[in-house]
PDB file of N, CA and C in Angstrom:
ATOM      1  N   UNK A   1      94.458 105.149 114.080  1.00  0.00           N
ATOM      2  CA  UNK A   1      93.390 104.705 113.297  1.00  0.00           C
ATOM      3  C   UNK A   1      93.746 105.095 111.475  1.00  0.00           C
ATOM      4  N   UNK A   2      94.362 106.204 111.713  1.00  0.00           N
ATOM      5  CA  UNK A   2      94.912 106.896 110.483  1.00  0.00           C
ATOM      6  C   UNK A   2      95.690 105.754 109.513  1.00  0.00           C
ATOM      7  N   UNK A   3      96.764 104.854 110.722  1.00  0.00           N
ATOM      8  CA  UNK A   3      97.604 104.368 109.723  1.00  0.00           C
ATOM      9  C   UNK A   3      96.886 102.643 109.342  1.00  0.00           C
ATOM     10  N   UNK A   4      95.755 102.569 110.131  1.00  0.00           N
ATOM     11  CA  UNK A   4      94.897 101.343 109.722  1.00  0.00           C
ATOM     12  C   UNK A   4      94.001 101.428 108.269  1.00  0.00           C
ATOM     13  N   UNK A   5      93.351 103.078 108.742  1.00  0.00           N
ATOM     14  CA  UNK A   5      92.638 103.382 107.139  1.00  0.00           C
ATOM     15  C   UNK A   5      93.580 103.414 105.997  1.00  0.00           C
ATOM     16  N   UNK A   6      95.037 103.712 106.225  1.00  0.00           N
ATOM     17  CA  UNK A   6      95.934 103.913 104.689  1.00  0.00           C
ATOM     18  C   UNK A   6      96.385 102.481 104.522  1.00  0.00           C
ATOM     19  N   UNK A   7      96.201 101.358 105.452  1.00  0.00           N
ATOM     20  CA  UNK A   7      96.527 100.009 104.654  1.00  0.00           C
ATOM     21  C   UNK A   7      95.378  99.664 104.305  1.00  0.00           C
ATOM     22  N   UNK A   8      94.026  99.864 104.473  1.00  0.00           N
ATOM     23  CA  UNK A   8      93.143  99.280 103.920  1.00  0.00           C
ATOM     24  C   UNK A   8      92.919 100.270 102.730  1.00  0.00           C
ATOM     25  N   UNK A   9      93.310 101.308 102.187  1.00  0.00           N
ATOM     26  CA  UNK A   9      93.073 101.675 101.367  1.00  0.00           C
ATOM     27  C   UNK A   9      94.174 101.929 100.216  1.00  0.00           C
ATOM     28  N   UNK A  10      95.488 100.990 100.714  1.00  0.00           N
ATOM     29  CA  UNK A  10      96.396 100.499  99.841  1.00  0.00           C
ATOM     30  C   UNK A  10      95.997  99.217  99.356  1.00  0.00           C
ATOM     31  N   UNK A  11      95.312  98.255 100.031  1.00  0.00           N
ATOM     32  CA  UNK A  11      94.611  96.812  99.792  1.00  0.00           C
ATOM     33  C   UNK A  11      93.646  97.247  98.434  1.00  0.00           C
ATOM     34  N   UNK A  12      92.771  98.477  98.667  1.00  0.00           N
ATOM     35  CA  UNK A  12      91.834  98.655  97.962  1.00  0.00           C
ATOM     36  C   UNK A  12      92.567  99.414  96.348  1.00  0.00           C
ATOM     37  N   UNK A  13      93.731  99.932  96.710  1.00  0.00           N
ATOM     38  CA  UNK A  13      94.502 100.211  95.161  1.00  0.00           C
ATOM     39  C   UNK A  13      94.877  98.809  94.604  1.00  0.00           C
ATOM     40  N   UNK A  14      95.066  98.072  95.225  1.00  0.00           N
ATOM     41  CA  UNK A  14      95.347  96.931  94.323  1.00  0.00           C
ATOM     42  C   UNK A  14      94.299  96.266  93.767  1.00  0.00           C
ATOM     43  N   UNK A  15      93.213  96.301  94.523  1.00  0.00           N
ATOM     44  CA  UNK A  15      91.713  95.834  94.152  1.00  0.00           C
ATOM     45  C   UNK A  15      91.388  96.730  92.572  1.00  0.00           C
ATOM     46  N   UNK A  16      91.424  98.175  92.597  1.00  0.00           N
ATOM     47  CA  UNK A  16      90.987  98.871  91.788  1.00  0.00           C
ATOM     48  C   UNK A  16      92.047  98.990  90.554  1.00  0.00           C
ATOM     49  N   UNK A  17      93.271  98.592  90.739  1.00  0.00           N
ATOM     50  CA  UNK A  17      94.348  98.058  89.768  1.00  0.00           C
ATOM     51  C   UNK A  17      94.112  97.286  88.725  1.00  0.00           C
ATOM     52  N   UNK A  18      93.732  95.816  89.853  1.00  0.00           N
ATOM     53  CA  UNK A  18      93.240  94.659  88.819  1.00  0.00           C
ATOM     54  C   UNK A  18      91.612  94.732  88.539  1.00  0.00           C
ATOM     55  N   UNK A  19      90.967  95.381  88.885  1.00  0.00           N
ATOM     56  CA  UNK A  19      89.808  95.588  88.199  1.00  0.00           C
ATOM     57  C   UNK A  19      89.932  96.464  87.010  1.00  0.00           C
ATOM     58  N   UNK A  20      90.880  97.436  86.825  1.00  0.00           N
ATOM     59  CA  UNK A  20      90.928  98.323  85.888  1.00  0.00           C
ATOM     60  C   UNK A  20      91.317  97.410  84.747  1.00  0.00           C
ATOM     61  N   UNK A  21      92.318  96.465  84.904  1.00  0.00           N
ATOM     62  CA  UNK A  21      93.138  95.665  83.634  1.00  0.00           C
ATOM     63  C   UNK A  21      91.869  94.547  83.599  1.00  0.00           C
ATOM     64  N   UNK A  22      91.190  94.441  84.204  1.00  0.00           N
ATOM     65  CA  UNK A  22      89.993  93.115  83.808  1.00  0.00           C
ATOM     66  C   UNK A  22      88.938  93.631  83.345  1.00  0.00           C
ATOM     67  N   UNK A  23      88.525  95.098  83.355  1.00  0.00           N
ATOM     68  CA  UNK A  23      87.519  95.753  82.738  1.00  0.00           C
ATOM     69  C   UNK A  23      87.718  95.801  81.240  1.00  0.00           C
ATOM     70  N   UNK A  24      89.231  95.555  80.570  1.00  0.00           N
ATOM     71  CA  UNK A  24      89.283  95.669  79.012  1.00  0.00           C
ATOM     72  C   UNK A  24      88.709  96.818  78.467  1.00  0.00           C
ATOM     73  N   UNK A  25      89.294  97.900  79.161  1.00  0.00           N
ATOM     74  CA  UNK A  25      88.755  99.278  78.443  1.00  0.00           C
ATOM     75  C   UNK A  25      87.096  99.512  78.948  1.00  0.00           C
ATOM     76  N   UNK A  26      86.840  99.446  79.862  1.00  0.00           N
ATOM     77  CA  UNK A  26      85.764  99.406  80.513  1.00  0.00           C
ATOM     78  C   UNK A  26      84.775  99.014  79.944  1.00  0.00           C
ATOM     79  N   UNK A  27      84.918  97.833  79.230  1.00  0.00           N
ATOM     80  CA  UNK A  27      84.055  97.413  78.086  1.00  0.00           C
ATOM     81  C   UNK A  27      83.329  96.346  78.970  1.00  0.00           C
ATOM     82  N   UNK A  28      83.640  95.908  80.199  1.00  0.00           N
ATOM     83  CA  UNK A  28      83.087  94.841  80.857  1.00  0.00           C
ATOM     84  C   UNK A  28      82.695  95.546  82.457  1.00  0.00           C
ATOM     85  N   UNK A  29      80.966  95.756  82.545  1.00  0.00           N
ATOM     86  CA  UNK A  29      80.483  96.363  83.504  1.00  0.00           C
ATOM     87  C   UNK A  29      80.924  96.220  84.809  1.00  0.00           C
ATOM     88  N   UNK A  30      80.975  94.539  84.819  1.00  0.00           N
ATOM     89  CA  UNK A  30      81.437  94.005  86.464  1.00  0.00           C
ATOM     90  C   UNK A  30      82.629  94.693  86.825  1.00  0.00           C
ATOM     91  N   UNK A  31      83.704  94.327  86.129  1.00  0.00           N
ATOM     92  CA  UNK A  31      84.832  94.978  86.778  1.00  0.00           C
ATOM     93  C   UNK A  31      85.105  96.454  86.795  1.00  0.00           C
ATOM     94  N   UNK A  32      84.451  96.993  85.639  1.00  0.00           N
ATOM     95  CA  UNK A  32      84.306  98.745  85.800  1.00  0.00           C
ATOM     96  C   UNK A  32      83.786  98.977  86.888  1.00  0.00           C
ATOM     97  N   UNK A  33      82.678  98.520  87.657  1.00  0.00           N
ATOM     98  CA  UNK A  33      82.055  99.271  88.646  1.00  0.00           C
ATOM     99  C   UNK A  33      82.814  98.789  89.835  1.00  0.00           C
ATOM    100  N   UNK A  34      83.399  97.751  89.793  1.00  0.00           N
ATOM    101  CA  UNK A  34      84.222  97.399  91.293  1.00  0.00           C
ATOM    102  C   UNK A  34      85.687  98.302  91.226  1.00  0.00           C
ATOM    103  N   UNK A  35      86.127  98.444  89.628  1.00  0.00           N
ATOM    104  CA  UNK A  35      87.148  99.631  89.425  1.00  0.00           C
ATOM    105  C   UNK A  35      86.727 101.155  90.591  1.00  0.00           C
ATOM    106  N   UNK A  36      85.339 101.508  89.744  1.00  0.00           N
ATOM    107  CA  UNK A  36      84.892 102.559  90.356  1.00  0.00           C
ATOM    108  C   UNK A  36      84.838 102.718  91.963  1.00  0.00           C
ATOM    109  N   UNK A  37      84.003 101.619  92.384  1.00  0.00           N
ATOM    110  CA  UNK A  37      83.787 101.708  93.917  1.00  0.00           C
ATOM    111  C   UNK A  37      85.029 101.811  94.505  1.00  0.00           C
ATOM    112  N   UNK A  38      85.935 100.984  94.338  1.00  0.00           N
ATOM    113  CA  UNK A  38      87.253 100.742  94.902  1.00  0.00           C
ATOM    114  C   UNK A  38      88.110 101.858  94.850  1.00  0.00           C
ATOM    115  N   UNK A  39      88.098 102.522  93.767  1.00  0.00           N
ATOM    116  CA  UNK A  39      89.030 103.471  93.625  1.00  0.00           C
ATOM    117  C   UNK A  39      88.222 104.819  94.553  1.00  0.00           C
ATOM    118  N   UNK A  40      87.104 105.114  94.559  1.00  0.00           N
ATOM    119  CA  UNK A  40      86.633 105.907  95.229  1.00  0.00           C
ATOM    120  C   UNK A  40      87.116 105.752  97.071  1.00  0.00           C
ATOM    121  N   UNK A  41      86.685 104.418  97.368  1.00  0.00           N
ATOM    122  CA  UNK A  41      87.120 104.148  98.457  1.00  0.00           C
ATOM    123  C   UNK A  41      88.613 104.096  98.605  1.00  0.00           C
ATOM    124  N   UNK A  42      89.388 103.757  98.210  1.00  0.00           N
ATOM    125  CA  UNK A  42      90.684 104.013  98.106  1.00  0.00           C
ATOM    126  C   UNK A  42      91.299 105.744  98.255  1.00  0.00           C
ATOM    127  N   UNK A  43      90.728 106.305  97.327  1.00  0.00           N
ATOM    128  CA  UNK A  43      91.321 107.500  97.735  1.00  0.00           C
ATOM    129  C   UNK A  43      90.709 108.407  98.676  1.00  0.00           C
ATOM    130  N   UNK A  44      89.537 108.218  98.978  1.00  0.00           N
ATOM    131  CA  UNK A  44      88.782 108.892 100.547  1.00  0.00           C
ATOM    132  C   UNK A  44      89.524 108.202 101.675  1.00  0.00           C
ATOM    133  N   UNK A  45      90.094 107.223 101.590  1.00  0.00           N
ATOM    134  CA  UNK A  45      91.152 106.707 102.554  1.00  0.00           C
ATOM    135  C   UNK A  45      92.485 107.338 102.956  1.00  0.00           C
ATOM    136  N   UNK A  46      92.996 107.401 101.528  1.00  0.00           N
ATOM    137  CA  UNK A  46      94.230 108.088 101.738  1.00  0.00           C
ATOM    138  C   UNK A  46      93.834 109.664 102.128  1.00  0.00           C
ATOM    139  N   UNK A  47      92.872 110.094 101.676  1.00  0.00           N
ATOM    140  CA  UNK A  47      92.374 111.570 102.105  1.00  0.00           C
ATOM    141  C   UNK A  47      92.351 111.737 103.427  1.00  0.00           C
ATOM    142  N   UNK A  48      91.558 110.704 103.811  1.00  0.00           N
ATOM    143  CA  UNK A  48      91.719 110.757 105.428  1.00  0.00           C
ATOM    144  C   UNK A  48      92.321 110.617 106.435  1.00  0.00           C
ATOM    145  N   UNK A  49      93.451 109.596 105.662  1.00  0.00           N
ATOM    146  CA  UNK A  49      94.819 109.389 106.357  1.00  0.00           C
ATOM    147  C   UNK A  49      95.844 110.439 106.277  1.00  0.00           C
ATOM    148  N   UNK A  50      95.835 111.332 105.175  1.00  0.00           N
ATOM    149  CA  UNK A  50      96.673 112.308 105.388  1.00  0.00           C
ATOM    150  C   UNK A  50      96.352 113.532 106.062  1.00  0.00           C
ATOM    151  N   UNK A  51      95.478 113.437 106.831  1.00  0.00           N
ATOM    152  CA  UNK A  51      94.879 114.296 107.913  1.00  0.00           C
ATOM    153  C   UNK A  51      95.741 114.135 108.991  1.00  0.00           C
ATOM    154  N   UNK A  52      96.069 113.128 109.149  1.00  0.00           N
ATOM    155  CA  UNK A  52      97.015 112.921 110.591  1.00  0.00           C
ATOM    156  C   UNK A  52      98.629 112.689 109.882  1.00  0.00           C
ATOM    157  N   UNK A  53      98.905 112.129 109.096  1.00  0.00           N
ATOM    158  CA  UNK A  53      99.885 111.118 108.194  1.00  0.00           C
ATOM    159  C   UNK A  53     100.440 112.170 107.222  1.00  0.00           C
ATOM    160  N   UNK A  54     101.719 112.386 107.446  1.00  0.00           N
ATOM    161  CA  UNK A  54     102.253 113.388 106.169  1.00  0.00           C
ATOM    162  C   UNK A  54     102.378 112.612 104.743  1.00  0.00           C
ATOM    163  N   UNK A  55     102.015 113.959 103.813  1.00  0.00           N
ATOM    164  CA  UNK A  55     101.701 113.239 102.256  1.00  0.00           C
ATOM    165  C   UNK A  55     102.717 112.599 101.787  1.00  0.00           C
ATOM    166  N   UNK A  56     104.243 112.508 101.985  1.00  0.00           N
ATOM    167  CA  UNK A  56     105.071 111.556 101.230  1.00  0.00           C
ATOM    168  C   UNK A  56     104.992 110.357 102.078  1.00  0.00           C
ATOM    169  N   UNK A  57     104.827 110.085 103.026  1.00  0.00           N
ATOM    170  CA  UNK A  57     104.848 108.932 103.959  1.00  0.00           C
ATOM    171  C   UNK A  57     103.420 107.949 103.760  1.00  0.00           C
ATOM    172  N   UNK A  58     102.184 108.636 103.589  1.00  0.00           N
ATOM    173  CA  UNK A  58     101.005 108.115 103.109  1.00  0.00           C
ATOM    174  C   UNK A  58     101.210 107.765 101.847  1.00  0.00           C
ATOM    175  N   UNK A  59     101.517 108.434 100.808  1.00  0.00           N
ATOM    176  CA  UNK A  59     101.463 108.331  99.406  1.00  0.00           C
ATOM    177  C   UNK A  59     102.309 106.983  99.294  1.00  0.00           C
ATOM    178  N   UNK A  60     103.618 107.329 100.019  1.00  0.00           N
ATOM    179  CA  UNK A  60     104.419 106.105  99.753  1.00  0.00           C
ATOM    180  C   UNK A  60     104.033 104.654 100.336  1.00  0.00           C
ATOM    181  N   UNK A  61     103.483 104.828 101.434  1.00  0.00           N
ATOM    182  CA  UNK A  61     102.914 103.238 101.842  1.00  0.00           C
ATOM    183  C   UNK A  61     101.790 102.963 101.113  1.00  0.00           C
ATOM    184  N   UNK A  62     100.908 103.730 100.685  1.00  0.00           N
ATOM    185  CA  UNK A  62      99.534 103.451 100.127  1.00  0.00           C
ATOM    186  C   UNK A  62      99.801 102.821  98.399  1.00  0.00           C
ATOM    187  N   UNK A  63     101.128 103.702  97.678  1.00  0.00           N
ATOM    188  CA  UNK A  63     101.473 102.889  96.392  1.00  0.00           C
ATOM    189  C   UNK A  63     102.011 101.620  96.655  1.00  0.00           C
ATOM    190  N   UNK A  64     102.887 101.769  97.748  1.00  0.00           N
ATOM    191  CA  UNK A  64     103.863 100.739  97.889  1.00  0.00           C
ATOM    192  C   UNK A  64     102.966  99.451  97.797  1.00  0.00           C
ATOM    193  N   UNK A  65     101.974  99.322  99.045  1.00  0.00           N
ATOM    194  CA  UNK A  65     100.735  98.549  99.555  1.00  0.00           C
ATOM    195  C   UNK A  65     100.518  98.135  98.220  1.00  0.00           C
ATOM    196  N   UNK A  66      99.605  99.205  97.539  1.00  0.00           N
ATOM    197  CA  UNK A  66      98.877  98.528  96.351  1.00  0.00           C
ATOM    198  C   UNK A  66      99.945  97.972  94.982  1.00  0.00           C
ATOM    199  N   UNK A  67     101.019  98.379  94.725  1.00  0.00           N
ATOM    200  CA  UNK A  67     101.759  97.529  93.872  1.00  0.00           C
ATOM    201  C   UNK A  67     102.386  96.338  94.489  1.00  0.00           C
ATOM    202  N   UNK A  68     102.670  95.938  95.401  1.00  0.00           N
ATOM    203  CA  UNK A  68     103.154  94.981  95.929  1.00  0.00           C
ATOM    204  C   UNK A  68     101.927  93.856  96.117  1.00  0.00           C
ATOM    205  N   UNK A  69     100.685  94.460  96.427  1.00  0.00           N
ATOM    206  CA  UNK A  69      99.478  93.021  96.155  1.00  0.00           C
ATOM    207  C   UNK A  69      99.152  92.693  94.716  1.00  0.00           C
ATOM    208  N   UNK A  70      99.361  94.259  93.751  1.00  0.00           N
ATOM    209  CA  UNK A  70      98.796  93.966  92.612  1.00  0.00           C
ATOM    210  C   UNK A  70      99.977  92.948  91.548  1.00  0.00           C
ATOM    211  N   UNK A  71     101.007  92.997  91.804  1.00  0.00           N
ATOM    212  CA  UNK A  71     102.031  92.289  91.282  1.00  0.00           C
ATOM    213  C   UNK A  71     101.864  90.598  91.939  1.00  0.00           C
ATOM    214  N   UNK A  72     101.862  90.780  93.430  1.00  0.00           N
ATOM    215  CA  UNK A  72     101.700  89.374  93.564  1.00  0.00           C
ATOM    216  C   UNK A  72     100.589  88.569  93.426  1.00  0.00           C
ATOM    217  N   UNK A  73      99.263  89.487  93.209  1.00  0.00           N
ATOM    218  CA  UNK A  73      98.017  88.936  92.758  1.00  0.00           C
ATOM    219  C   UNK A  73      98.254  88.381  91.332  1.00  0.00           C
ATOM    220  N   UNK A  74      98.416  89.170  90.576  1.00  0.00           N
ATOM    221  CA  UNK A  74      99.215  88.874  89.234  1.00  0.00           C
ATOM    222  C   UNK A  74      99.895  87.561  88.952  1.00  0.00           C
ATOM    223  N   UNK A  75     100.627  87.673  90.234  1.00  0.00           N
ATOM    224  CA  UNK A  75     101.978  85.790  89.870  1.00  0.00           C
ATOM    225  C   UNK A  75     101.330  85.050  90.450  1.00  0.00           C
ATOM    226  N   UNK A  76     100.130  85.172  91.362  1.00  0.00           N
ATOM    227  CA  UNK A  76      99.616  83.979  92.071  1.00  0.00           C
ATOM    228  C   UNK A  76      98.805  83.442  90.845  1.00  0.00           C
ATOM    229  N   UNK A  77      98.031  84.349  90.096  1.00  0.00           N
ATOM    230  CA  UNK A  77      96.847  83.750  89.190  1.00  0.00           C
ATOM    231  C   UNK A  77      97.592  83.567  87.752  1.00  0.00           C
ATOM    232  N   UNK A  78      98.991  83.509  87.964  1.00  0.00           N
ATOM    233  CA  UNK A  78      99.524  83.367  86.624  1.00  0.00           C
ATOM    234  C   UNK A  78      99.468  84.379  85.200  1.00  0.00           C
ATOM    235  N   UNK A  79      99.103  85.669  85.776  1.00  0.00           N
ATOM    236  CA  UNK A  79      98.581  86.717  84.671  1.00  0.00           C
ATOM    237  C   UNK A  79     100.478  87.201  84.447  1.00  0.00           C
ATOM    238  N   UNK A  80     101.047  86.923  85.334  1.00  0.00           N
ATOM    239  CA  UNK A  80     102.608  87.665  85.524  1.00  0.00           C
ATOM    240  C   UNK A  80     103.498  86.007  85.976  1.00  0.00           C
ATOM    241  N   UNK A  81     104.559  86.159  85.080  1.00  0.00           N
ATOM    242  CA  UNK A  81     105.209  85.131  85.383  1.00  0.00           C
ATOM    243  C   UNK A  81     106.311  85.220  87.058  1.00  0.00           C
ATOM    244  N   UNK A  82     106.491  84.275  87.421  1.00  0.00           N
ATOM    245  CA  UNK A  82     107.046  84.474  89.163  1.00  0.00           C
ATOM    246  C   UNK A  82     108.423  84.640  88.694  1.00  0.00           C
ATOM    247  N   UNK A  83     109.397  85.242  89.357  1.00  0.00           N
ATOM    248  CA  UNK A  83     110.883  85.113  88.945  1.00  0.00           C
ATOM    249  C   UNK A  83     111.675  85.662  90.317  1.00  0.00           C
ATOM    250  N   UNK A  84     112.655  85.196  90.705  1.00  0.00           N
ATOM    251  CA  UNK A  84     113.655  85.515  91.569  1.00  0.00           C
ATOM    252  C   UNK A  84     113.609  86.974  91.917  1.00  0.00           C
ATOM    253  N   UNK A  85     114.187  87.651  90.866  1.00  0.00           N
ATOM    254  CA  UNK A  85     114.390  89.181  90.573  1.00  0.00           C
ATOM    255  C   UNK A  85     113.147  90.028  91.129  1.00  0.00           C
ATOM    256  N   UNK A  86     111.644  88.969  90.579  1.00  0.00           N
ATOM    257  CA  UNK A  86     110.758  90.253  91.064  1.00  0.00           C
ATOM    258  C   UNK A  86     110.201  90.105  92.599  1.00  0.00           C
ATOM    259  N   UNK A  87     110.663  89.038  93.092  1.00  0.00           N
ATOM    260  CA  UNK A  87     110.378  88.747  94.569  1.00  0.00           C
ATOM    261  C   UNK A  87     111.206  89.690  95.191  1.00  0.00           C
ATOM    262  N   UNK A  88     112.508  89.684  95.102  1.00  0.00           N
ATOM    263  CA  UNK A  88     113.334  90.263  95.585  1.00  0.00           C
ATOM    264  C   UNK A  88     113.283  92.049  95.520  1.00  0.00           C
ATOM    265  N   UNK A  89     112.959  92.288  94.583  1.00  0.00           N
ATOM    266  CA  UNK A  89     112.177  93.979  94.231  1.00  0.00           C
ATOM    267  C   UNK A  89     110.959  94.350  94.893  1.00  0.00           C
ATOM    268  N   UNK A  90     110.184  93.288  95.233  1.00  0.00           N
ATOM    269  CA  UNK A  90     108.935  93.204  95.708  1.00  0.00           C
ATOM    270  C   UNK A  90     109.115  93.422  97.467  1.00  0.00           C
ATOM    271  N   UNK A  91     110.300  92.452  97.819  1.00  0.00           N
ATOM    272  CA  UNK A  91     110.499  92.819  99.159  1.00  0.00           C
ATOM    273  C   UNK A  91     111.282  93.857  99.356  1.00  0.00           C
ATOM    274  N   UNK A  92     111.993  94.255  98.480  1.00  0.00           N
ATOM    275  CA  UNK A  92     112.474  95.730  98.906  1.00  0.00           C
ATOM    276  C   UNK A  92     111.301  96.785  99.005  1.00  0.00           C
ATOM    277  N   UNK A  93     110.537  96.629  98.079  1.00  0.00           N
ATOM    278  CA  UNK A  93     109.228  97.755  98.367  1.00  0.00           C
ATOM    279  C   UNK A  93     108.764  97.541  99.768  1.00  0.00           C
ATOM    280  N   UNK A  94     108.429  96.351 100.243  1.00  0.00           N
ATOM    281  CA  UNK A  94     108.028  96.312 101.817  1.00  0.00           C
ATOM    282  C   UNK A  94     108.616  96.806 102.547  1.00  0.00           C
ATOM    283  N   UNK A  95     110.299  96.668 102.586  1.00  0.00           N
ATOM    284  CA  UNK A  95     110.943  96.631 103.327  1.00  0.00           C
ATOM    285  C   UNK A  95     111.027  98.424 103.108  1.00  0.00           C
ATOM    286  N   UNK A  96     110.832  99.036 102.170  1.00  0.00           N
ATOM    287  CA  UNK A  96     110.556 100.470 102.266  1.00  0.00           C
ATOM    288  C   UNK A  96     109.220 100.929 103.045  1.00  0.00           C
ATOM    289  N   UNK A  97     108.270 100.379 102.551  1.00  0.00           N
ATOM    290  CA  UNK A  97     107.433 100.477 103.424  1.00  0.00           C
ATOM    291  C   UNK A  97     107.576 100.762 104.843  1.00  0.00           C
ATOM    292  N   UNK A  98     108.036  99.608 105.019  1.00  0.00           N
ATOM    293  CA  UNK A  98     108.151  99.234 106.780  1.00  0.00           C
ATOM    294  C   UNK A  98     109.108 100.312 107.182  1.00  0.00           C
ATOM    295  N   UNK A  99     109.826 100.686 106.298  1.00  0.00           N
ATOM    296  CA  UNK A  99     110.841 101.729 107.011  1.00  0.00           C
ATOM    297  C   UNK A  99     110.303 103.348 107.266  1.00  0.00           C
ATOM    298  N   UNK A 100     109.273 103.471 106.044  1.00  0.00           N
ATOM    299  CA  UNK A 100     108.413 104.830 106.297  1.00  0.00           C
ATOM    300  C   UNK A 100     107.502 104.532 107.340  1.00  0.00           C
ATOM    301  N   UNK A 101     106.912 103.804 107.759  1.00  0.00           N
ATOM    302  CA  UNK A 101     106.412 103.510 108.627  1.00  0.00           C
ATOM    303  C   UNK A 101     106.845 103.800 110.398  1.00  0.00           C
ATOM    304  N   UNK A 102     108.543 102.982 110.124  1.00  0.00           N
ATOM    305  CA  UNK A 102     109.041 102.949 111.614  1.00  0.00           C
ATOM    306  C   UNK A 102     109.532 104.675 111.486  1.00  0.00           C
ATOM    307  N   UNK A 103     109.686 105.355 110.577  1.00  0.00           N
ATOM    308  CA  UNK A 103     110.067 106.568 110.740  1.00  0.00           C
ATOM    309  C   UNK A 103     109.012 107.902 111.251  1.00  0.00           C
ATOM    310  N   UNK A 104     108.158 107.078 110.630  1.00  0.00           N
ATOM    311  CA  UNK A 104     106.899 107.886 110.674  1.00  0.00           C
ATOM    312  C   UNK A 104     106.316 108.328 112.175  1.00  0.00           C
TER     313      UNK A 104
END
């Protein structure tokens, strides 16, 4: 169960990171509210997962999922340019997250 919660928390990390960017310095209420709610849920899930999983593994997986999804979303929406090097490095993060899960 902790792994599932951790994965959902990583997804929510990408939600709050994207919402933070769209809030334009908290001047837009909609994205600002999404940011706060997703941040609370993401941190709560991370804390829950850390009750059973090692801190380093939990944090690495959480950040990795959040980073990959945030950059992927930005590339998919045209906010960031797509490039082969970015895809290679994102794949390396995914490989690291899988490695942490395999060792955990």
